[in-house]
Amino acid sequence: MKRQFDTGEFKDLFDRYFVPLLRYGATMIKEEEEAKDIVQQAFIRLWDQQVEIANARAWLYKTVHNASLDYRKHEQIKEKHVRETMFLHREEVAKDNSQASGLKEKIAQAMAALLGECGKLFRMIQKFKISQDSFRLRSARDYIVLSA
């Protein structure tokens, strides 16, 4: 049976049960700010639904309990999604590393196949991690100089 609360009755319910409900919700979900939101939503629903005053306390506790369980379940789903995403990312990184390793091997083979000074130049570029623009090759028998 629906019943209209007057403002005074509702304020008394709020003053009497807000803090205990907040403690109850915070105990369930371990996050006080979220528990506060849950309890506030329960009071808003109580006002909107106009539950009988004799049942208001039980209704509030049940509502906070169920909303807290829903919150925990939602958080678990989010955590599972994060774990799965991280796992997939690690697999992609491993695949990329494997492909990069294969590419490095092919580059090393190609460089080893190069003859003479040209091969020296490429090996030095790789060894010292210097761009090609910073080298000058003088002649086949000359030395390689770093440009300033």
N, C-alpha and C. Protein backbone atom coordinates (compact mmCIF):
# COMPACT_ATOMS: atom_id res chain seq x y z
N MET A 1 0.84 -1.17 0.00
CA MET A 1 0.00 0.00 0.00
C MET A 1 0.89 1.24 0.00
N LYS A 2 0.61 2.15 -0.91
CA LYS A 2 1.40 3.36 -1.00
C LYS A 2 0.91 4.38 0.01
N ARG A 3 1.88 5.17 0.46
CA ARG A 3 1.55 6.17 1.47
C ARG A 3 2.42 7.38 1.21
N GLN A 4 1.89 8.54 1.31
CA GLN A 4 2.66 9.76 1.13
C GLN A 4 3.40 10.10 2.42
N PHE A 5 4.72 10.30 2.30
CA PHE A 5 5.51 10.78 3.43
C PHE A 5 5.37 12.29 3.49
N ASP A 6 5.27 12.80 4.69
CA ASP A 6 5.43 14.25 4.77
C ASP A 6 6.93 14.52 4.98
N THR A 7 7.32 15.72 4.78
CA THR A 7 8.74 16.08 4.81
C THR A 7 9.36 15.76 6.17
N GLY A 8 8.63 16.00 7.25
CA GLY A 8 9.15 15.73 8.59
C GLY A 8 9.43 14.25 8.82
N GLU A 9 8.49 13.39 8.40
CA GLU A 9 8.67 11.95 8.56
C GLU A 9 9.88 11.46 7.77
N PHE A 10 9.99 11.96 6.54
CA PHE A 10 11.09 11.53 5.70
C PHE A 10 12.42 12.00 6.28
N LYS A 11 12.46 13.23 6.78
CA LYS A 11 13.68 13.75 7.39
C LYS A 11 14.06 12.92 8.61
N ASP A 12 13.08 12.52 9.42
CA ASP A 12 13.37 11.67 10.58
C ASP A 12 13.97 10.32 10.15
N LEU A 13 13.39 9.71 9.11
CA LEU A 13 13.94 8.45 8.58
C LEU A 13 15.38 8.65 8.09
N PHE A 14 15.58 9.73 7.37
CA PHE A 14 16.91 10.00 6.84
C PHE A 14 17.92 10.20 7.98
N ASP A 15 17.56 11.02 8.94
CA ASP A 15 18.46 11.29 10.08
C ASP A 15 18.75 10.02 10.89
N ARG A 16 17.76 9.16 11.03
CA ARG A 16 17.91 7.95 11.84
C ARG A 16 18.72 6.86 11.13
N TYR A 17 18.55 6.71 9.81
CA TYR A 17 19.13 5.56 9.13
C TYR A 17 20.28 5.86 8.16
N PHE A 18 20.53 7.11 7.83
CA PHE A 18 21.57 7.39 6.85
C PHE A 18 22.93 6.86 7.29
N VAL A 19 23.39 7.22 8.48
CA VAL A 19 24.72 6.81 8.94
C VAL A 19 24.82 5.29 9.10
N PRO A 20 23.86 4.63 9.74
CA PRO A 20 23.97 3.16 9.83
C PRO A 20 23.97 2.48 8.46
N LEU A 21 23.15 2.99 7.53
CA LEU A 21 23.14 2.42 6.18
C LEU A 21 24.45 2.68 5.46
N LEU A 22 25.03 3.84 5.69
CA LEU A 22 26.32 4.16 5.08
C LEU A 22 27.40 3.20 5.59
N ARG A 23 27.42 2.95 6.88
CA ARG A 23 28.39 2.00 7.44
C ARG A 23 28.18 0.60 6.87
N TYR A 24 26.91 0.21 6.77
CA TYR A 24 26.58 -1.10 6.23
C TYR A 24 27.06 -1.23 4.78
N GLY A 25 26.74 -0.24 3.95
CA GLY A 25 27.15 -0.27 2.55
C GLY A 25 28.67 -0.21 2.41
N ALA A 26 29.33 0.63 3.20
CA ALA A 26 30.79 0.76 3.12
C ALA A 26 31.47 -0.54 3.54
N THR A 27 30.88 -1.23 4.49
CA THR A 27 31.42 -2.53 4.91
C THR A 27 31.33 -3.53 3.77
N MET A 28 30.26 -3.47 3.01
CA MET A 28 30.07 -4.42 1.93
C MET A 28 30.98 -4.15 0.73
N ILE A 29 31.15 -2.88 0.37
CA ILE A 29 31.89 -2.59 -0.86
C ILE A 29 33.26 -1.97 -0.62
N LYS A 30 33.58 -1.64 0.59
CA LYS A 30 34.91 -1.11 0.96
C LYS A 30 35.24 0.24 0.33
N GLU A 31 34.25 0.97 -0.13
CA GLU A 31 34.45 2.30 -0.70
C GLU A 31 33.37 3.23 -0.18
N GLU A 32 33.77 4.15 0.69
CA GLU A 32 32.79 4.98 1.38
C GLU A 32 32.02 5.91 0.43
N GLU A 33 32.72 6.51 -0.53
CA GLU A 33 32.03 7.43 -1.45
C GLU A 33 30.97 6.71 -2.28
N GLU A 34 31.32 5.53 -2.76
CA GLU A 34 30.34 4.75 -3.53
C GLU A 34 29.18 4.32 -2.64
N ALA A 35 29.49 3.94 -1.40
CA ALA A 35 28.43 3.55 -0.46
C ALA A 35 27.50 4.73 -0.19
N LYS A 36 28.08 5.91 -0.08
CA LYS A 36 27.26 7.11 0.14
C LYS A 36 26.29 7.31 -1.02
N ASP A 37 26.77 7.14 -2.25
CA ASP A 37 25.90 7.26 -3.42
C ASP A 37 24.78 6.22 -3.39
N ILE A 38 25.13 5.01 -3.01
CA ILE A 38 24.14 3.92 -2.95
C ILE A 38 23.05 4.24 -1.93
N VAL A 39 23.45 4.71 -0.76
CA VAL A 39 22.48 5.04 0.29
C VAL A 39 21.60 6.21 -0.14
N GLN A 40 22.20 7.22 -0.75
CA GLN A 40 21.41 8.36 -1.22
C GLN A 40 20.39 7.91 -2.26
N GLN A 41 20.81 7.04 -3.16
CA GLN A 41 19.87 6.52 -4.17
C GLN A 41 18.74 5.73 -3.52
N ALA A 42 19.05 5.00 -2.46
CA ALA A 42 18.01 4.24 -1.75
C ALA A 42 16.96 5.20 -1.17
N PHE A 43 17.40 6.30 -0.58
CA PHE A 43 16.45 7.27 -0.02
C PHE A 43 15.63 7.94 -1.12
N ILE A 44 16.25 8.20 -2.25
CA ILE A 44 15.51 8.79 -3.37
C ILE A 44 14.43 7.83 -3.85
N ARG A 45 14.80 6.55 -3.97
CA ARG A 45 13.80 5.55 -4.39
C ARG A 45 12.69 5.41 -3.34
N LEU A 46 13.05 5.48 -2.07
CA LEU A 46 12.05 5.40 -1.00
C LEU A 46 11.04 6.54 -1.15
N TRP A 47 11.55 7.72 -1.39
CA TRP A 47 10.66 8.88 -1.55
C TRP A 47 9.77 8.70 -2.78
N ASP A 48 10.38 8.23 -3.89
CA ASP A 48 9.61 8.05 -5.13
C ASP A 48 8.57 6.95 -5.02
N GLN A 49 8.90 5.85 -4.33
CA GLN A 49 7.99 4.70 -4.25
C GLN A 49 7.00 4.82 -3.10
N GLN A 50 7.30 5.64 -2.12
CA GLN A 50 6.42 5.85 -0.98
C GLN A 50 6.06 4.53 -0.28
N VAL A 51 7.09 3.79 0.14
CA VAL A 51 6.91 2.54 0.87
C VAL A 51 6.33 2.86 2.24
N GLU A 52 5.53 1.94 2.79
CA GLU A 52 4.96 2.17 4.12
C GLU A 52 6.05 2.40 5.14
N ILE A 53 5.81 3.30 6.09
CA ILE A 53 6.82 3.64 7.09
C ILE A 53 7.18 2.43 7.95
N ALA A 54 6.27 1.56 8.25
CA ALA A 54 6.55 0.39 9.08
C ALA A 54 7.60 -0.50 8.41
N ASN A 55 7.66 -0.49 7.10
CA ASN A 55 8.61 -1.31 6.36
C ASN A 55 9.81 -0.52 5.84
N ALA A 56 9.86 0.74 6.10
CA ALA A 56 10.90 1.59 5.50
C ALA A 56 12.30 1.14 5.89
N ARG A 57 12.54 0.81 7.15
CA ARG A 57 13.88 0.41 7.59
C ARG A 57 14.32 -0.85 6.86
N ALA A 58 13.47 -1.87 6.84
CA ALA A 58 13.81 -3.13 6.17
C ALA A 58 14.01 -2.90 4.68
N TRP A 59 13.13 -2.10 4.09
CA TRP A 59 13.23 -1.81 2.67
C TRP A 59 14.55 -1.10 2.36
N LEU A 60 14.94 -0.14 3.18
CA LEU A 60 16.20 0.58 2.97
C LEU A 60 17.41 -0.36 3.06
N TYR A 61 17.44 -1.19 4.09
CA TYR A 61 18.57 -2.12 4.24
C TYR A 61 18.64 -3.10 3.07
N LYS A 62 17.48 -3.60 2.66
CA LYS A 62 17.46 -4.55 1.54
C LYS A 62 17.92 -3.86 0.25
N THR A 63 17.47 -2.64 0.04
CA THR A 63 17.85 -1.88 -1.15
C THR A 63 19.35 -1.60 -1.17
N VAL A 64 19.91 -1.17 -0.03
CA VAL A 64 21.35 -0.91 0.06
C VAL A 64 22.13 -2.20 -0.13
N HIS A 65 21.65 -3.28 0.46
CA HIS A 65 22.31 -4.58 0.33
C HIS A 65 22.38 -5.00 -1.14
N ASN A 66 21.23 -4.97 -1.82
CA ASN A 66 21.18 -5.40 -3.22
C ASN A 66 22.01 -4.49 -4.13
N ALA A 67 21.94 -3.19 -3.89
CA ALA A 67 22.73 -2.25 -4.71
C ALA A 67 24.23 -2.45 -4.46
N SER A 68 24.61 -2.78 -3.25
CA SER A 68 26.01 -3.03 -2.93
C SER A 68 26.50 -4.31 -3.61
N LEU A 69 25.66 -5.34 -3.62
CA LEU A 69 26.02 -6.57 -4.32
C LEU A 69 26.17 -6.31 -5.82
N ASP A 70 25.25 -5.52 -6.38
CA ASP A 70 25.34 -5.17 -7.80
C ASP A 70 26.63 -4.41 -8.09
N TYR A 71 26.98 -3.50 -7.21
CA TYR A 71 28.21 -2.71 -7.38
C TYR A 71 29.44 -3.64 -7.36
N ARG A 72 29.48 -4.55 -6.38
CA ARG A 72 30.62 -5.48 -6.29
C ARG A 72 30.72 -6.34 -7.54
N LYS A 73 29.59 -6.83 -8.01
CA LYS A 73 29.58 -7.66 -9.21
C LYS A 73 30.08 -6.86 -10.41
N HIS A 74 29.65 -5.63 -10.53
CA HIS A 74 30.09 -4.78 -11.63
C HIS A 74 31.60 -4.54 -11.55
N GLU A 75 32.11 -4.30 -10.36
CA GLU A 75 33.55 -4.09 -10.17
C GLU A 75 34.34 -5.35 -10.55
N GLN A 76 33.82 -6.52 -10.21
CA GLN A 76 34.49 -7.77 -10.57
C GLN A 76 34.53 -7.95 -12.08
N ILE A 77 33.46 -7.58 -12.75
CA ILE A 77 33.42 -7.67 -14.21
C ILE A 77 34.45 -6.72 -14.82
N LYS A 78 34.54 -5.51 -14.27
CA LYS A 78 35.53 -4.55 -14.77
C LYS A 78 36.95 -5.08 -14.56
N GLU A 79 37.23 -5.65 -13.39
CA GLU A 79 38.56 -6.19 -13.12
C GLU A 79 38.88 -7.34 -14.07
N LYS A 80 37.91 -8.20 -14.32
CA LYS A 80 38.12 -9.32 -15.25
C LYS A 80 38.44 -8.79 -16.64
N HIS A 81 37.72 -7.77 -17.06
CA HIS A 81 37.96 -7.17 -18.37
C HIS A 81 39.37 -6.59 -18.45
N VAL A 82 39.81 -5.92 -17.40
CA VAL A 82 41.17 -5.35 -17.37
C VAL A 82 42.20 -6.47 -17.47
N ARG A 83 42.02 -7.55 -16.70
CA ARG A 83 42.97 -8.67 -16.76
C ARG A 83 43.03 -9.27 -18.16
N GLU A 84 41.86 -9.47 -18.78
CA GLU A 84 41.82 -10.05 -20.12
C GLU A 84 42.49 -9.12 -21.13
N THR A 85 42.25 -7.84 -21.00
CA THR A 85 42.85 -6.87 -21.91
C THR A 85 44.36 -6.86 -21.76
N MET A 86 44.84 -6.92 -20.52
CA MET A 86 46.28 -6.94 -20.28
C MET A 86 46.89 -8.22 -20.85
N PHE A 87 46.21 -9.34 -20.70
CA PHE A 87 46.70 -10.61 -21.24
C PHE A 87 46.83 -10.53 -22.76
N LEU A 88 45.78 -10.01 -23.41
CA LEU A 88 45.82 -9.89 -24.86
C LEU A 88 46.93 -8.95 -25.31
N HIS A 89 47.12 -7.88 -24.55
CA HIS A 89 48.19 -6.92 -24.89
C HIS A 89 49.56 -7.60 -24.78
N ARG A 90 49.76 -8.39 -23.73
CA ARG A 90 51.04 -9.09 -23.57
C ARG A 90 51.28 -10.05 -24.74
N GLU A 91 50.22 -10.73 -25.18
CA GLU A 91 50.35 -11.63 -26.32
C GLU A 91 50.75 -10.87 -27.58
N GLU A 92 50.14 -9.70 -27.79
CA GLU A 92 50.46 -8.89 -28.97
C GLU A 92 51.90 -8.40 -28.90
N VAL A 93 52.35 -7.98 -27.73
CA VAL A 93 53.73 -7.51 -27.57
C VAL A 93 54.70 -8.65 -27.84
N ALA A 94 54.40 -9.84 -27.33
CA ALA A 94 55.27 -11.00 -27.57
C ALA A 94 55.33 -11.32 -29.07
N LYS A 95 54.20 -11.24 -29.73
CA LYS A 95 54.16 -11.49 -31.17
C LYS A 95 54.98 -10.44 -31.91
N ASP A 96 54.81 -9.16 -31.53
CA ASP A 96 55.58 -8.09 -32.16
C ASP A 96 57.08 -8.28 -31.93
N ASN A 97 57.45 -8.66 -30.71
CA ASN A 97 58.87 -8.90 -30.40
C ASN A 97 59.43 -10.04 -31.23
N SER A 98 58.63 -11.07 -31.40
CA SER A 98 59.05 -12.22 -32.20
C SER A 98 59.26 -11.80 -33.66
N GLN A 99 58.34 -11.00 -34.18
CA GLN A 99 58.47 -10.53 -35.55
C GLN A 99 59.68 -9.61 -35.69
N ALA A 100 59.90 -8.74 -34.70
CA ALA A 100 61.05 -7.82 -34.73
C ALA A 100 62.34 -8.61 -34.68
N SER A 101 62.38 -9.66 -33.88
CA SER A 101 63.58 -10.49 -33.79
C SER A 101 63.88 -11.14 -35.13
N GLY A 102 62.87 -11.64 -35.79
CA GLY A 102 63.05 -12.24 -37.11
C GLY A 102 63.53 -11.22 -38.13
N LEU A 103 63.00 -10.01 -38.05
CA LEU A 103 63.41 -8.96 -38.96
C LEU A 103 64.87 -8.56 -38.71
N LYS A 104 65.27 -8.46 -37.44
CA LYS A 104 66.66 -8.14 -37.11
C LYS A 104 67.60 -9.21 -37.67
N GLU A 105 67.19 -10.44 -37.58
CA GLU A 105 68.01 -11.54 -38.10
C GLU A 105 68.19 -11.42 -39.61
N LYS A 106 67.13 -11.09 -40.32
CA LYS A 106 67.21 -10.92 -41.77
C LYS A 106 68.11 -9.73 -42.13
N ILE A 107 68.01 -8.66 -41.37
CA ILE A 107 68.88 -7.50 -41.61
C ILE A 107 70.34 -7.86 -41.39
N ALA A 108 70.61 -8.60 -40.31
CA ALA A 108 71.98 -9.01 -40.01
C ALA A 108 72.53 -9.89 -41.14
N GLN A 109 71.73 -10.79 -41.67
CA GLN A 109 72.17 -11.65 -42.77
C GLN A 109 72.46 -10.83 -44.02
N ALA A 110 71.59 -9.86 -44.31
CA ALA A 110 71.79 -9.01 -45.49
C ALA A 110 73.04 -8.16 -45.33
N MET A 111 73.29 -7.65 -44.14
CA MET A 111 74.48 -6.83 -43.90
C MET A 111 75.75 -7.67 -44.02
N ALA A 112 75.70 -8.90 -43.54
CA ALA A 112 76.86 -9.79 -43.64
C ALA A 112 77.19 -10.09 -45.10
N ALA A 113 76.16 -10.08 -45.93
CA ALA A 113 76.36 -10.38 -47.34
C ALA A 113 76.96 -9.20 -48.11
N LEU A 114 76.87 -8.00 -47.56
CA LEU A 114 77.43 -6.82 -48.24
C LEU A 114 78.95 -6.91 -48.28
N LEU A 115 79.53 -6.42 -49.33
CA LEU A 115 80.97 -6.51 -49.51
C LEU A 115 81.67 -5.21 -49.16
N GLY A 116 82.90 -5.32 -48.75
CA GLY A 116 83.81 -4.20 -48.62
C GLY A 116 83.36 -3.11 -47.66
N GLU A 117 83.68 -1.87 -48.07
CA GLU A 117 83.44 -0.70 -47.23
C GLU A 117 81.96 -0.46 -46.98
N CYS A 118 81.14 -0.78 -47.92
CA CYS A 118 79.69 -0.60 -47.76
C CYS A 118 79.19 -1.43 -46.58
N GLY A 119 79.67 -2.66 -46.49
CA GLY A 119 79.30 -3.52 -45.37
C GLY A 119 79.81 -2.97 -44.06
N LYS A 120 81.03 -2.43 -44.06
CA LYS A 120 81.59 -1.81 -42.85
C LYS A 120 80.71 -0.66 -42.38
N LEU A 121 80.31 0.16 -43.34
CA LEU A 121 79.48 1.31 -43.01
C LEU A 121 78.18 0.87 -42.33
N PHE A 122 77.49 -0.09 -42.91
CA PHE A 122 76.24 -0.56 -42.32
C PHE A 122 76.46 -1.19 -40.95
N ARG A 123 77.54 -1.94 -40.78
CA ARG A 123 77.80 -2.54 -39.46
C ARG A 123 78.09 -1.46 -38.42
N MET A 124 78.83 -0.41 -38.81
CA MET A 124 79.11 0.67 -37.87
C MET A 124 77.84 1.44 -37.50
N ILE A 125 77.00 1.67 -38.50
CA ILE A 125 75.74 2.36 -38.24
C ILE A 125 74.93 1.58 -37.21
N GLN A 126 74.88 0.27 -37.39
CA GLN A 126 74.11 -0.56 -36.46
C GLN A 126 74.78 -0.60 -35.09
N LYS A 127 76.09 -0.77 -35.06
CA LYS A 127 76.80 -0.90 -33.79
C LYS A 127 76.70 0.37 -32.96
N PHE A 128 76.91 1.53 -33.59
CA PHE A 128 76.94 2.79 -32.85
C PHE A 128 75.61 3.53 -32.87
N LYS A 129 74.62 2.95 -33.56
CA LYS A 129 73.29 3.54 -33.64
C LYS A 129 73.35 4.99 -34.10
N ILE A 130 74.07 5.21 -35.20
CA ILE A 130 74.27 6.54 -35.75
C ILE A 130 73.61 6.57 -37.13
N SER A 131 73.03 7.71 -37.46
CA SER A 131 72.35 7.81 -38.76
C SER A 131 73.36 7.82 -39.90
N GLN A 132 72.91 7.42 -41.06
CA GLN A 132 73.78 7.38 -42.23
C GLN A 132 74.29 8.76 -42.60
N ASP A 133 73.50 9.79 -42.35
CA ASP A 133 73.90 11.15 -42.71
C ASP A 133 75.13 11.61 -41.95
N SER A 134 75.42 11.00 -40.80
CA SER A 134 76.56 11.46 -40.02
C SER A 134 77.87 10.79 -40.45
N PHE A 135 77.81 9.95 -41.47
CA PHE A 135 79.02 9.29 -41.99
C PHE A 135 79.34 9.81 -43.40
N ARG A 136 80.64 9.82 -43.71
CA ARG A 136 81.09 10.04 -45.09
C ARG A 136 82.03 8.90 -45.46
N LEU A 137 81.79 8.34 -46.59
CA LEU A 137 82.68 7.28 -47.07
C LEU A 137 83.60 7.90 -48.11
N ARG A 138 84.92 7.95 -47.83
CA ARG A 138 85.86 8.66 -48.72
C ARG A 138 86.21 7.82 -49.96
N SER A 139 86.65 6.61 -49.77
CA SER A 139 86.95 5.75 -50.91
C SER A 139 86.95 4.31 -50.43
N ALA A 140 87.11 3.41 -51.33
CA ALA A 140 87.07 2.00 -50.96
C ALA A 140 88.18 1.64 -49.99
N ARG A 141 89.35 2.27 -50.07
CA ARG A 141 90.47 1.96 -49.19
C ARG A 141 90.63 2.98 -48.07
N ASP A 142 89.92 4.12 -48.13
CA ASP A 142 90.06 5.13 -47.08
C ASP A 142 89.28 4.72 -45.85
N TYR A 143 89.35 5.56 -44.87
CA TYR A 143 88.68 5.29 -43.60
C TYR A 143 87.33 6.01 -43.55
N ILE A 144 86.53 5.63 -42.62
CA ILE A 144 85.20 6.23 -42.43
C ILE A 144 85.33 7.29 -41.34
N VAL A 145 84.81 8.48 -41.60
CA VAL A 145 84.94 9.60 -40.67
C VAL A 145 83.55 10.01 -40.19
N LEU A 146 83.47 10.29 -38.92
CA LEU A 146 82.21 10.83 -38.39
C LEU A 146 82.12 12.30 -38.73
N SER A 147 81.02 12.73 -39.29
CA SER A 147 80.83 14.15 -39.58
C SER A 147 80.44 14.87 -38.31
N ALA A 148 80.85 16.08 -38.18
CA ALA A 148 80.53 16.88 -36.99
C ALA A 148 79.19 17.52 -37.12
